[in-house]
Each structure stands twice: as structure tokens, then as C-alpha cells.
Amino acid sequence: MPFFILLAIILRLINIDKPEGLWNDEYVSWFVASTPFIKGFWQEVLKQCHMPLYYLYLKPFTTCSDVVMRITSVIPSVISVYVMYLTGKEFSKKTAVYAGLLTSVLSFLVYYAQEVRFYSLLFLFSALLLLFTERILNNKKGWIGYILSSLLILSTHVLGGIYVFFNTMYVLYRKKKLSKWVIFVPFVLLPILPFALNILKMLPSSQWWGVFSYTNILFLFSDFFSPILTNNVNAPPEFFYKKDFLWSLLILVPTLIGVFGIFRGANKQRGLIAVCTAVITVMSILAVCGKLVFITKYAIEILPALLLLFVLGINDKLFVLFITFHLFAIFTPFYVTKIPRLEGHKIVGNILNKQNPDKVIYTYYSKDRFLKYLDKEFPSYWIDKTKRFVYLDNPTLILNEIEIGDRISVVFLDSVSFVPENRIEEAKNRSLPEMYVTFSIIKNALIKELNDNYKDFDVKNNGSWTVITATRFK
């Protein structure tokens, strides 16, 4: 077991210092957690579509470096290795060893151990819930741990309520205590009900960018079991979207082994596979109805159960092959710790520090996103998501604040402003999300104005960012 823990630590510390800095979701974690209690912390929590526990967990570390904040995700991820080992021990020593080793090397868990987000913490809580589930079903003490684990999940992720509900129904059914569910519901749900209702109301507007397709389900299993992560933000329309033999091998073989192991394990634990299937079904229905973007990390609560099913159903040779694929992936350019944070805010900070403009205009995000990485605070203007319609008819109005002789930098997030001017109408006709269309119009108009009235251009493209620096001459 100490070897598994050491291996988990090593894998999770490789490339943990991300040169791109925090990206949007991580910035939100940092911003909310860093807000003082007496200056609007709970108000900021209520603006989010997630529960408050993680922000409280991160709060003591918000003045630390990015690396230290990422280590706060490493810690629960490493603890999860031991929890999954204990869960496997409820079945056999071999199952315990397989479960611990699998949790240690699984690429999906390694990736989220380096994110300043709640997913590693959530996996730990879900693994604890699985452990206490098995102990209860094995007629051991575990109800207190079960209830506490359920509360921790519900206090971390609003969608965790789906998993907790179905898992609890399964446990109560097995223990012939379904009548006690009436008592359990208010005890668990009442403390988090105000947050949950607020979040469910906000989810549709916060999930504007995703479209559900069958590939979301396929990528759920490939993300969980292969070293290739695809559906971190949104799934491509095709499963084999990249024509590369090594990449295809790394995504296909481990995924097939994973699904095979789950299929065989399901014969031994039909209740667990029923819980997982129910969660995936509900998430799919929400996604089809436009209430939720179906991305793999939102289903992380079921991953401990899937891993247990996998180790219960897999044979020794296939397990060794599976682990070998994940360890081999470390030496490939596709490994999860090498995935760049293309929207990292430090990219912009580094460019602006080098350019040292007189003024800065930001689009899509306001200046607050980048202050963490700026050597000094530049006079700034912005067209963010809340101001987008004010400037939509005439985006160049924002340039009225720029005087002749001023050298300015204009910051564009290319991943939300990628439609060229001659394809705007086509984008509207094929129902491209409004945010993409709007910020593409803004970007095209500002670039045209810069070309007409500015000189000494310096265009920097890095990650998902374009920063144009130029001097106004008329």
C-alpha cells in the first residue's frame, strides 16, 4: 500500500506548476474562496452553480501560490487511494490491491488532482460513501459514516444529490428499510435545500455552451478509463476526432478493457451498476432538455463505483495491460499532466507585462481575471458578458476612451470569438450559441477599427488568446 501512495503522489506532482496559470473555472474557485466572509462571501457562493463546501476548504490557501492551491486537490486525491483500497478489502485482498493501484494511476484522477476545483474532494467523498455502502451491506457498522459522506457530497456538488438518492434507495432496498427513507430525506436535504434550489434555477443559463450528443456517453467511459481526456469542457461531434494511431490506441484499448471489466463486475454487483445507470440516465435527460452540459467530471460521483465494478470483473492479464497503458502514457505527449490550460489567465498577464501598454481593453472577461498575474495595474476598459449587448450595435464605442498617441492592448478570448465576419449569418442560421456570435461580432468590429486608425501592430497568439497591441494615430 505505501507504494501505491508514493506512486500517486509522484504522478500528481508531475508538471503541477502550470505555466498558463489559473483558467476560468479555477479563477472562480479562487475568487469565491478569497472573498472575505464580511464582504460578500455567501453572496458570491449563491452566484455559482455549485455548493459551498469546496470554497470553504480552499479559503485558507487563497493567498498562496497557484502550485499550493493545486496541492489542495492532490491531498484528497491521494487519500482516495487508501479509501478505495479499504473498499476493495470488503471483498478480498486482491480486490483491495487492484482498487488501490487503479486509483493511484488512473489518468482522469491524476488530471483533476492538479485542478483548483472540487472534483478530487468530491471523488474522495464518493469513495467514502462507497466504502460505507459496502460495510453496511456486509452487516458492519457504517450508518454514521454513510450519512456524513452523503452530506459531504451534497455540500460539494448539486448533482451529487442524484447519486446520493439512487445509492440510498439501493442500500435501503437491500437492508429492507425503505420505509425509513421518509426520515432520511429531510435530515439530509433540508440543510442544503436553499443552495440547491438556487443552483437548479441558475444551471440552464450557466450551461449555455454545450450541446448533447451520443458522443457524450462514449467520452464518459473513455475519459474515465483511457489516458486521453476529451470531454473536459465539451465533447467533439465524433469519437475518433483525431487521426493519430498512438492516440487512437491509447483511447480505444483501455476504454474497451474498462467497459469489459464493468460488464463482468456488474454480474456480481447488479445494484451498483443500476445506481450508475440511473445517474447517467438522469444526467442525459437533463442534457437533452438543455438544463445541463453533459461533461465527464459532472459524473465523478459514480466513478468509485465503476472502478469497484471494474476490479471485481477484470482478470489479471487485462488488469496488467490496463495499468501498463496508463503508465506508458506518461511518456507520450498526450499525458494528462501535459495538457495545457489554453485559457489560462497568466498567458495574458505575461503578454501585457512584456508589452507594457498605456491602456488595455478586455473582451469577454473584465480586468479582474488577470490582476493576479500583472506586474502593475493598467488603465483598463472591458466588454464582458454582462456588458455585451450595450456594445453589440457599435463595439467601437469602447475605443472612444483611447487618445491619439496611446498604445493599447486589446485582449480577445478566441474560444468564444472564432466566427469570421463573412460567416456570422451562417452561424446564426445554424443556431450557434449567442455568446459565440456576439463576441465574434465584437472582435471583428474592433479589429477592423484597429486596422483603420492604429499603427505599429504587435499581434500575440498564445493558447486560446489573441492580444493585439497598437498605437492610435488618428
Foldseek 3Di string as FASTA:
>chain_A
DVVLLVLLLVLLLVLLPFLLAAFDVLLLLLVLLQQDPVRQNVVSQLVDLWFDPLSVLQNVCSVDDLSVLLQSLSVLLSVLLQLQLLQLVLPPNLRSVLRSNCSSLFQLSSLSSSGSACLSVLLSLLSQLSSLLSCVLVVHDRPVSNLVSLLSNVNTGLLSVLLNVLSVCLSCVSVVNNVCVVVSVCVRQVVCVVSNVSSLVCQLVVALAEADDPVLVVQLLLSRFFQFHAQPPYHDPDNPPDPDDLVCVRRPLRSVLLVQLLVQLCVVVVSLVVSLVSSVVVQNVCNNVSRHHRGNSSSSSSSSSSSSSNSNRHDDVSSVVSSVSSVVCVPPCRGSSNDHPLRRLLVVQVVCQVVVFQEEEEEQDFPVNNPVNHPDDHHYHYCHPVNLVVCQVPLCVVVVVADAFGKYKYKDQCVLQVDAPVCLVVCVVVPRRPSSSSSVSNVNNVVVVCVVFWDPWDWDDTRRMIMIITGGHD
